[in-house]
Amino acid sequence: MNHQYTSEDKFNNYDLPQPTKRKQRFFYRKFYLYKISQLIEKALKYHSRLSVFRIDLHLPEDFDDADSKVITRFFKSLNAKLDVDIKRKEKSWGRSLSNKTSYVWAKEKNTSKQYHYHVAIFLNKDIYHRLGDVGASEGCLAALMKQSWCSAIKQDKPALVHFCKNGVYYLNLNSSDVQSSKNELFKRVCYFAKPYSKVYQGNARNFGTSS
């Protein structure tokens, strides 16, 4: 591994998970770790109370993996659906609401035939604090995510959205343990920065964050 990677236990004051056996080390790409750490800080500037949702988006086996715009379409669709949902909530709750969606994603391929995306989505906790019924087709945040992925892949296959176990995290900028909460989130999301199972070919991107 060269200078682009690190196998240390820390990165910018964040803990990096490592195996208990010292002879084995996880390697992480430094630039990706930097982007993740910057995203967390930036998202907290938009909203002092955040909900972070970890999901995996799987591509259909017959999907053209050269279609690199699929993840862009997902977030475009999700943001549009969130805008509509927030306007509905404003009328129902009787007050003005604002949300700035932040996100990070990593595209990977392991033993499966098709690629999948690891995704973490940061939302205003005062509006979205839970997924709702993950089996529902409408009426909750989980449903909006499934609808958006179906729109992105242009197929009605909501089961291709996987909601990670214990995959909802909360950050409160004004909490006394905010640094500990940020550290726990970073330890879960830094997985996106591992070079393992990523495919490097041509100009295809395998990692990205919101601006």
N, C-alpha and C. Protein backbone atom coordinates (compact mmCIF):
# COMPACT_ATOMS: atom_id res chain seq x y z
N MET A 1 0.84 -1.19 0.00
CA MET A 1 0.00 0.00 0.00
C MET A 1 0.89 1.26 0.00
N ASN A 2 0.44 2.29 -0.71
CA ASN A 2 1.24 3.50 -0.79
C ASN A 2 0.68 4.59 0.12
N HIS A 3 1.17 5.81 -0.06
CA HIS A 3 0.79 6.91 0.82
C HIS A 3 -0.68 7.29 0.72
N GLN A 4 -1.39 6.77 -0.29
CA GLN A 4 -2.82 7.08 -0.43
C GLN A 4 -3.66 6.33 0.60
N TYR A 5 -3.06 5.36 1.28
CA TYR A 5 -3.81 4.51 2.20
C TYR A 5 -3.22 4.59 3.60
N THR A 6 -4.04 4.24 4.58
CA THR A 6 -3.59 4.19 5.96
C THR A 6 -4.09 2.92 6.62
N SER A 7 -3.30 2.40 7.53
CA SER A 7 -3.70 1.25 8.35
C SER A 7 -3.56 1.60 9.83
N GLU A 8 -3.58 2.89 10.13
CA GLU A 8 -3.45 3.35 11.51
C GLU A 8 -4.76 3.15 12.27
N ASP A 9 -4.72 3.42 13.57
CA ASP A 9 -5.90 3.28 14.42
C ASP A 9 -6.72 4.57 14.50
N LYS A 10 -6.14 5.67 13.99
CA LYS A 10 -6.80 6.96 14.07
C LYS A 10 -6.70 7.69 12.74
N PHE A 11 -7.69 8.54 12.47
CA PHE A 11 -7.64 9.45 11.33
C PHE A 11 -8.36 10.73 11.73
N ASN A 12 -7.63 11.84 11.78
CA ASN A 12 -8.23 13.13 12.16
C ASN A 12 -9.07 13.04 13.43
N ASN A 13 -8.52 12.39 14.45
CA ASN A 13 -9.16 12.23 15.77
C ASN A 13 -10.33 11.26 15.77
N TYR A 14 -10.58 10.60 14.65
CA TYR A 14 -11.60 9.56 14.60
C TYR A 14 -10.94 8.19 14.73
N ASP A 15 -11.62 7.26 15.41
CA ASP A 15 -11.11 5.90 15.51
C ASP A 15 -11.35 5.13 14.22
N LEU A 16 -10.37 4.31 13.85
CA LEU A 16 -10.51 3.43 12.70
C LEU A 16 -10.53 1.99 13.20
N PRO A 17 -11.57 1.23 12.91
CA PRO A 17 -11.62 -0.17 13.34
C PRO A 17 -10.46 -0.97 12.76
N GLN A 18 -9.85 -1.79 13.59
CA GLN A 18 -8.78 -2.67 13.15
C GLN A 18 -8.97 -4.05 13.80
N PRO A 19 -8.50 -5.11 13.13
CA PRO A 19 -8.61 -6.45 13.72
C PRO A 19 -7.85 -6.53 15.04
N THR A 20 -8.29 -7.43 15.90
CA THR A 20 -7.62 -7.59 17.19
C THR A 20 -6.23 -8.19 17.03
N LYS A 21 -6.04 -8.97 15.97
CA LYS A 21 -4.72 -9.54 15.70
C LYS A 21 -3.86 -8.49 15.01
N ARG A 22 -2.78 -8.11 15.65
CA ARG A 22 -1.96 -7.02 15.15
C ARG A 22 -1.28 -7.34 13.83
N LYS A 23 -1.14 -8.62 13.49
CA LYS A 23 -0.49 -8.98 12.23
C LYS A 23 -1.39 -8.69 11.03
N GLN A 24 -2.68 -8.54 11.29
CA GLN A 24 -3.63 -8.22 10.24
C GLN A 24 -4.08 -6.77 10.41
N ARG A 25 -4.16 -6.05 9.31
CA ARG A 25 -4.56 -4.65 9.38
C ARG A 25 -5.55 -4.35 8.26
N PHE A 26 -6.53 -3.49 8.58
CA PHE A 26 -7.42 -2.97 7.55
C PHE A 26 -6.77 -1.74 6.93
N PHE A 27 -6.88 -1.62 5.62
CA PHE A 27 -6.38 -0.44 4.94
C PHE A 27 -7.56 0.41 4.48
N TYR A 28 -7.39 1.71 4.59
CA TYR A 28 -8.42 2.66 4.19
C TYR A 28 -7.79 3.71 3.27
N ARG A 29 -8.57 4.15 2.31
CA ARG A 29 -8.08 5.20 1.43
C ARG A 29 -8.23 6.55 2.14
N LYS A 30 -7.13 7.27 2.27
CA LYS A 30 -7.12 8.50 3.05
C LYS A 30 -8.08 9.56 2.51
N PHE A 31 -8.12 9.72 1.20
CA PHE A 31 -8.97 10.76 0.64
C PHE A 31 -10.44 10.48 0.94
N TYR A 32 -10.84 9.22 0.88
CA TYR A 32 -12.22 8.87 1.19
C TYR A 32 -12.52 9.13 2.66
N LEU A 33 -11.58 8.79 3.54
CA LEU A 33 -11.77 9.08 4.97
C LEU A 33 -11.92 10.58 5.21
N TYR A 34 -11.11 11.35 4.51
CA TYR A 34 -11.19 12.81 4.64
C TYR A 34 -12.56 13.31 4.21
N LYS A 35 -13.06 12.81 3.08
CA LYS A 35 -14.36 13.24 2.58
C LYS A 35 -15.48 12.87 3.55
N ILE A 36 -15.38 11.70 4.16
CA ILE A 36 -16.40 11.28 5.13
C ILE A 36 -16.36 12.18 6.36
N SER A 37 -15.17 12.45 6.88
CA SER A 37 -15.06 13.30 8.07
C SER A 37 -15.57 14.71 7.78
N GLN A 38 -15.26 15.23 6.59
CA GLN A 38 -15.74 16.56 6.21
C GLN A 38 -17.25 16.59 6.05
N LEU A 39 -17.81 15.51 5.53
CA LEU A 39 -19.26 15.44 5.34
C LEU A 39 -19.98 15.50 6.68
N ILE A 40 -19.48 14.77 7.67
CA ILE A 40 -20.11 14.78 8.99
C ILE A 40 -20.12 16.19 9.57
N GLU A 41 -18.98 16.87 9.49
CA GLU A 41 -18.88 18.22 10.04
C GLU A 41 -19.79 19.19 9.28
N LYS A 42 -19.82 19.07 7.96
CA LYS A 42 -20.63 19.97 7.14
C LYS A 42 -22.12 19.74 7.39
N ALA A 43 -22.52 18.47 7.51
CA ALA A 43 -23.93 18.16 7.74
C ALA A 43 -24.42 18.74 9.06
N LEU A 44 -23.55 18.74 10.07
CA LEU A 44 -23.92 19.31 11.37
C LEU A 44 -24.03 20.82 11.33
N LYS A 45 -23.41 21.44 10.35
CA LYS A 45 -23.58 22.89 10.17
C LYS A 45 -24.94 23.21 9.55
N TYR A 46 -25.43 22.30 8.72
CA TYR A 46 -26.77 22.48 8.14
C TYR A 46 -27.85 22.26 9.20
N HIS A 47 -27.69 21.19 9.98
CA HIS A 47 -28.69 20.83 11.00
C HIS A 47 -27.96 20.37 12.26
N SER A 48 -28.26 20.98 13.38
CA SER A 48 -27.58 20.62 14.63
C SER A 48 -28.05 19.27 15.17
N ARG A 49 -29.21 18.82 14.70
CA ARG A 49 -29.72 17.49 15.08
C ARG A 49 -29.91 16.69 13.80
N LEU A 50 -29.19 15.57 13.72
CA LEU A 50 -29.19 14.77 12.50
C LEU A 50 -29.62 13.34 12.75
N SER A 51 -30.31 12.79 11.76
CA SER A 51 -30.54 11.35 11.68
C SER A 51 -29.73 10.85 10.49
N VAL A 52 -29.03 9.74 10.68
CA VAL A 52 -28.22 9.16 9.61
C VAL A 52 -28.72 7.74 9.36
N PHE A 53 -29.09 7.47 8.12
CA PHE A 53 -29.68 6.18 7.75
C PHE A 53 -28.74 5.41 6.84
N ARG A 54 -28.39 4.18 7.26
CA ARG A 54 -27.52 3.31 6.46
C ARG A 54 -28.37 2.31 5.68
N ILE A 55 -28.23 2.35 4.36
CA ILE A 55 -28.94 1.42 3.51
C ILE A 55 -27.98 0.88 2.45
N ASP A 56 -28.35 -0.25 1.87
CA ASP A 56 -27.62 -0.81 0.73
C ASP A 56 -28.56 -0.89 -0.45
N LEU A 57 -28.08 -0.47 -1.60
CA LEU A 57 -28.87 -0.48 -2.83
C LEU A 57 -28.27 -1.48 -3.80
N HIS A 58 -29.03 -2.50 -4.12
CA HIS A 58 -28.54 -3.56 -5.01
C HIS A 58 -29.07 -3.35 -6.43
N LEU A 59 -28.22 -3.63 -7.39
CA LEU A 59 -28.62 -3.55 -8.80
C LEU A 59 -29.21 -4.88 -9.25
N PRO A 60 -30.21 -4.85 -10.13
CA PRO A 60 -30.75 -6.09 -10.68
C PRO A 60 -29.66 -6.83 -11.47
N GLU A 61 -29.77 -8.14 -11.55
CA GLU A 61 -28.76 -8.92 -12.26
C GLU A 61 -28.67 -8.55 -13.74
N ASP A 62 -29.79 -8.11 -14.32
CA ASP A 62 -29.79 -7.79 -15.74
C ASP A 62 -29.50 -6.31 -16.01
N PHE A 63 -29.06 -5.59 -14.98
CA PHE A 63 -28.83 -4.15 -15.12
C PHE A 63 -27.49 -3.88 -15.79
N ASP A 64 -27.45 -2.87 -16.63
CA ASP A 64 -26.21 -2.47 -17.31
C ASP A 64 -25.32 -1.74 -16.31
N ASP A 65 -24.25 -2.41 -15.85
CA ASP A 65 -23.41 -1.80 -14.82
C ASP A 65 -22.59 -0.63 -15.34
N ALA A 66 -22.65 -0.40 -16.65
CA ALA A 66 -21.97 0.77 -17.22
C ALA A 66 -22.78 2.05 -16.99
N ASP A 67 -24.03 1.90 -16.53
CA ASP A 67 -24.90 3.05 -16.26
C ASP A 67 -24.49 3.67 -14.93
N SER A 68 -23.52 4.53 -14.95
CA SER A 68 -22.98 5.12 -13.73
C SER A 68 -23.86 6.22 -13.15
N LYS A 69 -24.89 6.62 -13.88
CA LYS A 69 -25.77 7.70 -13.42
C LYS A 69 -26.88 7.20 -12.49
N VAL A 70 -26.92 5.90 -12.25
CA VAL A 70 -28.03 5.35 -11.47
C VAL A 70 -28.05 5.92 -10.05
N ILE A 71 -26.89 6.10 -9.43
CA ILE A 71 -26.87 6.63 -8.06
C ILE A 71 -27.25 8.11 -8.06
N THR A 72 -26.91 8.83 -9.12
CA THR A 72 -27.33 10.23 -9.25
C THR A 72 -28.84 10.32 -9.37
N ARG A 73 -29.42 9.42 -10.17
CA ARG A 73 -30.88 9.41 -10.33
C ARG A 73 -31.57 9.09 -9.00
N PHE A 74 -30.97 8.20 -8.22
CA PHE A 74 -31.56 7.85 -6.93
C PHE A 74 -31.68 9.08 -6.04
N PHE A 75 -30.59 9.81 -5.88
CA PHE A 75 -30.63 10.97 -4.99
C PHE A 75 -31.49 12.09 -5.54
N LYS A 76 -31.52 12.24 -6.85
CA LYS A 76 -32.39 13.25 -7.46
C LYS A 76 -33.85 12.92 -7.18
N SER A 77 -34.21 11.65 -7.34
CA SER A 77 -35.57 11.22 -7.07
C SER A 77 -35.91 11.35 -5.59
N LEU A 78 -34.99 10.93 -4.72
CA LEU A 78 -35.24 11.00 -3.29
C LEU A 78 -35.42 12.45 -2.83
N ASN A 79 -34.58 13.34 -3.29
CA ASN A 79 -34.70 14.75 -2.91
C ASN A 79 -36.03 15.35 -3.36
N ALA A 80 -36.47 14.97 -4.55
CA ALA A 80 -37.75 15.46 -5.05
C ALA A 80 -38.89 14.95 -4.18
N LYS A 81 -38.83 13.67 -3.80
CA LYS A 81 -39.88 13.09 -2.96
C LYS A 81 -39.86 13.69 -1.56
N LEU A 82 -38.67 13.95 -1.04
CA LEU A 82 -38.56 14.58 0.27
C LEU A 82 -39.14 15.99 0.25
N ASP A 83 -38.90 16.73 -0.82
CA ASP A 83 -39.45 18.08 -0.94
C ASP A 83 -40.97 18.06 -0.88
N VAL A 84 -41.57 17.13 -1.61
CA VAL A 84 -43.04 17.00 -1.60
C VAL A 84 -43.53 16.61 -0.21
N ASP A 85 -42.83 15.65 0.41
CA ASP A 85 -43.22 15.18 1.74
C ASP A 85 -43.10 16.28 2.78
N ILE A 86 -42.05 17.09 2.68
CA ILE A 86 -41.85 18.18 3.64
C ILE A 86 -42.93 19.25 3.49
N LYS A 87 -43.32 19.55 2.26
CA LYS A 87 -44.40 20.52 2.04
C LYS A 87 -45.70 20.01 2.65
N ARG A 88 -45.93 18.70 2.52
CA ARG A 88 -47.13 18.11 3.13
C ARG A 88 -47.05 18.21 4.65
N LYS A 89 -45.88 17.95 5.20
CA LYS A 89 -45.69 18.03 6.65
C LYS A 89 -45.86 19.47 7.14
N GLU A 90 -45.41 20.45 6.36
CA GLU A 90 -45.56 21.85 6.75
C GLU A 90 -47.03 22.21 6.94
N LYS A 91 -47.87 21.74 6.02
CA LYS A 91 -49.31 22.01 6.12
C LYS A 91 -49.90 21.29 7.32
N SER A 92 -49.46 20.05 7.53
CA SER A 92 -49.99 19.25 8.63
C SER A 92 -49.51 19.74 9.99
N TRP A 93 -48.24 20.12 10.07
CA TRP A 93 -47.67 20.55 11.35
C TRP A 93 -47.86 22.04 11.61
N GLY A 94 -48.21 22.80 10.59
CA GLY A 94 -48.47 24.22 10.76
C GLY A 94 -47.24 25.07 11.01
N ARG A 95 -46.10 24.66 10.47
CA ARG A 95 -44.89 25.47 10.62
C ARG A 95 -43.94 25.22 9.46
N SER A 96 -43.02 26.14 9.27
CA SER A 96 -42.04 26.03 8.19
C SER A 96 -40.96 25.02 8.55
N LEU A 97 -40.56 24.22 7.57
CA LEU A 97 -39.55 23.18 7.79
C LEU A 97 -38.46 23.29 6.73
N SER A 98 -37.27 22.91 7.09
CA SER A 98 -36.18 22.90 6.11
C SER A 98 -35.33 21.65 6.30
N ASN A 99 -34.84 21.13 5.19
CA ASN A 99 -33.97 19.96 5.24
C ASN A 99 -32.93 20.06 4.14
N LYS A 100 -31.70 19.82 4.50
CA LYS A 100 -30.60 19.72 3.55
C LYS A 100 -30.11 18.28 3.60
N THR A 101 -30.30 17.54 2.52
CA THR A 101 -29.88 16.15 2.48
C THR A 101 -28.39 16.05 2.17
N SER A 102 -27.67 15.35 3.03
CA SER A 102 -26.25 15.06 2.79
C SER A 102 -26.11 13.54 2.66
N TYR A 103 -25.10 13.11 1.94
CA TYR A 103 -24.96 11.66 1.75
C TYR A 103 -23.54 11.28 1.34
N VAL A 104 -23.23 10.01 1.55
CA VAL A 104 -21.99 9.41 1.06
C VAL A 104 -22.33 8.02 0.54
N TRP A 105 -21.67 7.61 -0.53
CA TRP A 105 -21.94 6.29 -1.10
C TRP A 105 -20.65 5.65 -1.58
N ALA A 106 -20.66 4.32 -1.62
CA ALA A 106 -19.54 3.56 -2.16
C ALA A 106 -20.09 2.42 -3.01
N LYS A 107 -19.54 2.25 -4.18
CA LYS A 107 -19.97 1.20 -5.10
C LYS A 107 -19.01 0.02 -4.99
N GLU A 108 -19.55 -1.17 -4.77
CA GLU A 108 -18.70 -2.34 -4.56
C GLU A 108 -19.25 -3.57 -5.28
N LYS A 109 -18.37 -4.54 -5.40
CA LYS A 109 -18.75 -5.83 -5.98
C LYS A 109 -17.88 -6.90 -5.34
N ASN A 110 -18.51 -7.84 -4.66
CA ASN A 110 -17.73 -8.90 -4.02
C ASN A 110 -17.96 -10.22 -4.75
N THR A 111 -18.57 -11.18 -4.09
CA THR A 111 -18.78 -12.47 -4.74
C THR A 111 -20.07 -12.50 -5.57
N SER A 112 -20.89 -11.49 -5.44
CA SER A 112 -22.15 -11.46 -6.19
C SER A 112 -21.89 -11.12 -7.66
N LYS A 113 -22.88 -11.39 -8.49
CA LYS A 113 -22.75 -11.12 -9.92
C LYS A 113 -22.83 -9.63 -10.24
N GLN A 114 -23.53 -8.90 -9.39
CA GLN A 114 -23.82 -7.51 -9.70
C GLN A 114 -23.29 -6.57 -8.62
N TYR A 115 -23.13 -5.31 -8.99
CA TYR A 115 -22.66 -4.29 -8.05
C TYR A 115 -23.76 -3.94 -7.04
N HIS A 116 -23.33 -3.33 -5.96
CA HIS A 116 -24.26 -2.77 -4.99
C HIS A 116 -23.65 -1.48 -4.43
N TYR A 117 -24.49 -0.66 -3.84
CA TYR A 117 -24.06 0.62 -3.27
C TYR A 117 -24.30 0.62 -1.77
N HIS A 118 -23.27 0.96 -1.01
CA HIS A 118 -23.43 1.27 0.40
C HIS A 118 -23.72 2.77 0.49
N VAL A 119 -24.73 3.13 1.26
CA VAL A 119 -25.17 4.53 1.31
C VAL A 119 -25.45 4.94 2.75
N ALA A 120 -25.06 6.16 3.09
CA ALA A 120 -25.45 6.79 4.36
C ALA A 120 -26.09 8.13 4.03
N ILE A 121 -27.30 8.34 4.52
CA ILE A 121 -28.08 9.53 4.21
C ILE A 121 -28.31 10.33 5.49
N PHE A 122 -27.93 11.61 5.46
CA PHE A 122 -28.04 12.51 6.61
C PHE A 122 -29.24 13.43 6.41
N LEU A 123 -30.18 13.43 7.38
CA LEU A 123 -31.38 14.24 7.28
C LEU A 123 -31.63 15.00 8.59
N ASN A 124 -32.42 16.05 8.50
CA ASN A 124 -32.82 16.83 9.67
C ASN A 124 -33.64 15.95 10.61
N LYS A 125 -33.12 15.69 11.81
CA LYS A 125 -33.79 14.81 12.77
C LYS A 125 -35.13 15.36 13.22
N ASP A 126 -35.29 16.68 13.17
CA ASP A 126 -36.56 17.27 13.59
C ASP A 126 -37.69 16.97 12.61
N ILE A 127 -37.33 16.46 11.44
CA ILE A 127 -38.33 16.06 10.44
C ILE A 127 -38.35 14.55 10.27
N TYR A 128 -37.16 13.95 10.19
CA TYR A 128 -37.05 12.50 9.95
C TYR A 128 -36.19 11.87 11.04
N HIS A 129 -36.84 11.14 11.94
CA HIS A 129 -36.08 10.49 13.01
C HIS A 129 -36.17 8.97 12.94
N ARG A 130 -36.96 8.44 12.02
CA ARG A 130 -37.03 6.99 11.86
C ARG A 130 -37.45 6.64 10.45
N LEU A 131 -37.21 5.38 10.07
CA LEU A 131 -37.55 4.92 8.73
C LEU A 131 -39.03 4.65 8.56
N GLY A 132 -39.69 4.28 9.66
CA GLY A 132 -41.07 3.82 9.55
C GLY A 132 -41.08 2.33 9.21
N ASP A 133 -42.18 1.86 8.70
CA ASP A 133 -42.33 0.44 8.35
C ASP A 133 -41.52 0.14 7.09
N VAL A 134 -40.44 -0.62 7.23
CA VAL A 134 -39.57 -0.88 6.08
C VAL A 134 -40.25 -1.76 5.03
N GLY A 135 -41.35 -2.38 5.40
CA GLY A 135 -42.09 -3.20 4.45
C GLY A 135 -43.18 -2.44 3.71
N ALA A 136 -43.40 -1.19 4.10
CA ALA A 136 -44.47 -0.39 3.49
C ALA A 136 -44.08 0.10 2.10
N SER A 137 -45.09 0.30 1.27
CA SER A 137 -44.85 0.80 -0.09
C SER A 137 -45.09 2.30 -0.19
N GLU A 138 -45.64 2.90 0.88
CA GLU A 138 -45.87 4.34 0.90
C GLU A 138 -46.10 4.79 2.34
N GLY A 139 -46.04 6.12 2.54
CA GLY A 139 -46.39 6.67 3.84
C GLY A 139 -45.28 6.80 4.86
N CYS A 140 -44.03 6.51 4.47
CA CYS A 140 -42.93 6.64 5.42
C CYS A 140 -41.62 6.86 4.66
N LEU A 141 -40.57 7.17 5.40
CA LEU A 141 -39.27 7.44 4.78
C LEU A 141 -38.72 6.21 4.06
N ALA A 142 -38.86 5.05 4.65
CA ALA A 142 -38.37 3.83 4.00
C ALA A 142 -39.02 3.63 2.64
N ALA A 143 -40.31 3.92 2.56
CA ALA A 143 -41.03 3.79 1.29
C ALA A 143 -40.49 4.76 0.25
N LEU A 144 -40.19 5.98 0.67
CA LEU A 144 -39.64 6.97 -0.26
C LEU A 144 -38.30 6.51 -0.81
N MET A 145 -37.49 5.89 0.03
CA MET A 145 -36.19 5.38 -0.43
C MET A 145 -36.37 4.25 -1.44
N LYS A 146 -37.31 3.36 -1.17
CA LYS A 146 -37.56 2.24 -2.10
C LYS A 146 -38.13 2.76 -3.42
N GLN A 147 -39.04 3.71 -3.34
CA GLN A 147 -39.60 4.29 -4.57
C GLN A 147 -38.51 4.96 -5.40
N SER A 148 -37.59 5.63 -4.73
CA SER A 148 -36.52 6.35 -5.44
C SER A 148 -35.56 5.39 -6.12
N TRP A 149 -35.26 4.26 -5.48
CA TRP A 149 -34.36 3.28 -6.11
C TRP A 149 -35.05 2.61 -7.30
N CYS A 150 -36.32 2.30 -7.16
CA CYS A 150 -37.07 1.72 -8.28
C CYS A 150 -37.09 2.69 -9.46
N SER A 151 -37.22 3.97 -9.17
CA SER A 151 -37.19 4.99 -10.22
C SER A 151 -35.82 5.05 -10.87
N ALA A 152 -34.77 4.94 -10.07
CA ALA A 152 -33.40 5.04 -10.59
C ALA A 152 -33.03 3.87 -11.49
N ILE A 153 -33.44 2.66 -11.10
CA ILE A 153 -33.11 1.47 -11.89
C ILE A 153 -34.16 1.19 -12.96
N LYS A 154 -35.27 1.95 -12.90
CA LYS A 154 -36.36 1.82 -13.87
C LYS A 154 -36.98 0.42 -13.86
N GLN A 155 -37.05 -0.13 -12.66
CA GLN A 155 -37.68 -1.43 -12.46
C GLN A 155 -38.40 -1.41 -11.11
N ASP A 156 -39.51 -2.12 -11.02
CA ASP A 156 -40.28 -2.17 -9.79
C ASP A 156 -39.77 -3.31 -8.91
N LYS A 157 -38.64 -3.06 -8.26
CA LYS A 157 -38.02 -4.09 -7.42
C LYS A 157 -37.58 -3.47 -6.08
N PRO A 158 -38.56 -3.13 -5.23
CA PRO A 158 -38.23 -2.48 -3.95
C PRO A 158 -37.40 -3.35 -3.02
N ALA A 159 -37.45 -4.68 -3.21
CA ALA A 159 -36.68 -5.58 -2.34
C ALA A 159 -35.18 -5.42 -2.52
N LEU A 160 -34.77 -4.70 -3.57
CA LEU A 160 -33.34 -4.48 -3.80
C LEU A 160 -32.76 -3.41 -2.87
N VAL A 161 -33.64 -2.79 -2.08
CA VAL A 161 -33.18 -1.84 -1.05
C VAL A 161 -33.10 -2.60 0.27
N HIS A 162 -31.91 -2.62 0.86
CA HIS A 162 -31.70 -3.32 2.14
C HIS A 162 -31.46 -2.29 3.24
N PHE A 163 -32.25 -2.39 4.30
CA PHE A 163 -32.10 -1.49 5.44
C PHE A 163 -31.22 -2.18 6.48
N CYS A 164 -30.07 -1.61 6.74
CA CYS A 164 -29.07 -2.25 7.58
C CYS A 164 -29.55 -2.39 9.03
N LYS A 165 -29.17 -3.49 9.66
CA LYS A 165 -29.51 -3.73 11.05
C LYS A 165 -28.84 -2.68 11.92
N ASN A 166 -29.59 -2.11 12.84
CA ASN A 166 -29.08 -1.03 13.70
C ASN A 166 -28.46 0.08 12.85
N GLY A 167 -29.11 0.38 11.75
CA GLY A 167 -28.54 1.31 10.78
C GLY A 167 -29.05 2.73 10.85
N VAL A 168 -29.56 3.15 12.01
CA VAL A 168 -29.98 4.55 12.19
C VAL A 168 -29.16 5.15 13.32
N TYR A 169 -28.55 6.29 13.04
CA TYR A 169 -27.68 6.96 14.01
C TYR A 169 -28.16 8.39 14.22
N TYR A 170 -27.89 8.91 15.41
CA TYR A 170 -28.32 10.27 15.73
C TYR A 170 -27.13 11.10 16.19
N LEU A 171 -27.09 12.33 15.72
CA LEU A 171 -26.07 13.28 16.14
C LEU A 171 -26.74 14.55 16.63
N ASN A 172 -26.26 15.07 17.75
CA ASN A 172 -26.77 16.32 18.30
C ASN A 172 -25.57 17.21 18.61
N LEU A 173 -25.42 18.27 17.83
CA LEU A 173 -24.26 19.15 17.96
C LEU A 173 -24.15 19.75 19.36
N ASN A 174 -25.28 19.92 20.03
CA ASN A 174 -25.29 20.56 21.34
C ASN A 174 -25.23 19.56 22.50
N SER A 175 -25.06 18.29 22.16
CA SER A 175 -24.98 17.27 23.20
C SER A 175 -23.56 17.20 23.78
N SER A 176 -23.47 16.84 25.04
CA SER A 176 -22.15 16.74 25.69
C SER A 176 -21.33 15.59 25.14
N ASP A 177 -21.98 14.60 24.54
CA ASP A 177 -21.26 13.44 24.00
C ASP A 177 -21.26 13.43 22.47
N VAL A 178 -21.34 14.62 21.86
CA VAL A 178 -21.40 14.69 20.40
C VAL A 178 -20.16 14.09 19.75
N GLN A 179 -18.99 14.28 20.36
CA GLN A 179 -17.77 13.74 19.76
C GLN A 179 -17.79 12.22 19.76
N SER A 180 -18.30 11.65 20.84
CA SER A 180 -18.42 10.20 20.92
C SER A 180 -19.40 9.68 19.88
N SER A 181 -20.51 10.39 19.68
CA SER A 181 -21.50 10.00 18.68
C SER A 181 -20.94 10.09 17.27
N LYS A 182 -20.18 11.15 17.00
CA LYS A 182 -19.55 11.30 15.69
C LYS A 182 -18.55 10.19 15.45
N ASN A 183 -17.83 9.83 16.49
CA ASN A 183 -16.82 8.78 16.37
C ASN A 183 -17.47 7.43 16.06
N GLU A 184 -18.58 7.13 16.73
CA GLU A 184 -19.28 5.87 16.48
C GLU A 184 -19.82 5.82 15.06
N LEU A 185 -20.35 6.93 14.58
CA LEU A 185 -20.84 6.98 13.20
C LEU A 185 -19.68 6.80 12.22
N PHE A 186 -18.58 7.47 12.47
CA PHE A 186 -17.43 7.38 11.58
C PHE A 186 -16.93 5.94 11.49
N LYS A 187 -16.92 5.24 12.62
CA LYS A 187 -16.45 3.86 12.64
C LYS A 187 -17.32 2.95 11.78
N ARG A 188 -18.60 3.28 11.69
CA ARG A 188 -19.50 2.48 10.86
C ARG A 188 -19.39 2.84 9.38
N VAL A 189 -19.18 4.11 9.09
CA VAL A 189 -19.19 4.56 7.70
C VAL A 189 -17.80 4.49 7.06
N CYS A 190 -16.74 4.43 7.87
CA CYS A 190 -15.39 4.37 7.29
C CYS A 190 -15.19 3.11 6.47
N TYR A 191 -16.07 2.13 6.64
CA TYR A 191 -16.04 0.93 5.79
C TYR A 191 -16.07 1.31 4.32
N PHE A 192 -16.74 2.40 4.00
CA PHE A 192 -16.84 2.86 2.61
C PHE A 192 -15.47 3.17 2.01
N ALA A 193 -14.49 3.43 2.87
CA ALA A 193 -13.17 3.85 2.40
C ALA A 193 -12.20 2.69 2.18
N LYS A 194 -12.66 1.47 2.41
CA LYS A 194 -11.79 0.32 2.18
C LYS A 194 -11.63 0.07 0.69
N PRO A 195 -10.43 -0.25 0.23
CA PRO A 195 -10.24 -0.55 -1.20
C PRO A 195 -10.78 -1.92 -1.57
N TYR A 196 -10.93 -2.79 -0.58
CA TYR A 196 -11.40 -4.15 -0.84
C TYR A 196 -12.78 -4.14 -1.49
N SER A 197 -12.98 -4.94 -2.50
CA SER A 197 -14.22 -5.16 -3.25
C SER A 197 -14.64 -3.99 -4.13
N LYS A 198 -13.79 -2.97 -4.22
CA LYS A 198 -14.06 -1.89 -5.18
C LYS A 198 -13.38 -2.23 -6.50
N VAL A 199 -14.02 -1.84 -7.59
CA VAL A 199 -13.48 -2.11 -8.92
C VAL A 199 -12.97 -0.80 -9.51
N TYR A 200 -11.71 -0.77 -9.86
CA TYR A 200 -11.10 0.42 -10.43
C TYR A 200 -10.87 0.18 -11.92
N GLN A 201 -11.70 0.80 -12.74
CA GLN A 201 -11.53 0.65 -14.18
C GLN A 201 -12.07 1.89 -14.89
N GLY A 202 -11.28 2.38 -15.85
CA GLY A 202 -11.69 3.54 -16.62
C GLY A 202 -11.94 4.74 -15.73
N ASN A 203 -12.97 5.50 -16.07
CA ASN A 203 -13.34 6.69 -15.31
C ASN A 203 -14.51 6.44 -14.36
N ALA A 204 -14.87 5.18 -14.19
CA ALA A 204 -16.01 4.85 -13.34
C ALA A 204 -15.73 5.22 -11.89
N ARG A 205 -16.68 5.88 -11.24
CA ARG A 205 -16.53 6.28 -9.84
C ARG A 205 -17.03 5.17 -8.94
N ASN A 206 -16.36 4.97 -7.83
CA ASN A 206 -16.82 3.98 -6.86
C ASN A 206 -17.03 4.60 -5.48
N PHE A 207 -17.00 5.94 -5.41
CA PHE A 207 -17.20 6.63 -4.14
C PHE A 207 -17.66 8.05 -4.44
N GLY A 208 -18.55 8.57 -3.60
CA GLY A 208 -18.99 9.95 -3.80
C GLY A 208 -19.69 10.49 -2.56
N THR A 209 -19.74 11.81 -2.46
CA THR A 209 -20.46 12.48 -1.38
C THR A 209 -21.25 13.65 -1.96
N SER A 210 -22.19 14.13 -1.18
CA SER A 210 -22.91 15.34 -1.57
C SER A 210 -21.96 16.52 -1.47
N SER A 211 -22.31 17.59 -2.17
CA SER A 211 -21.43 18.77 -2.16
C SER A 211 -21.68 19.62 -0.93
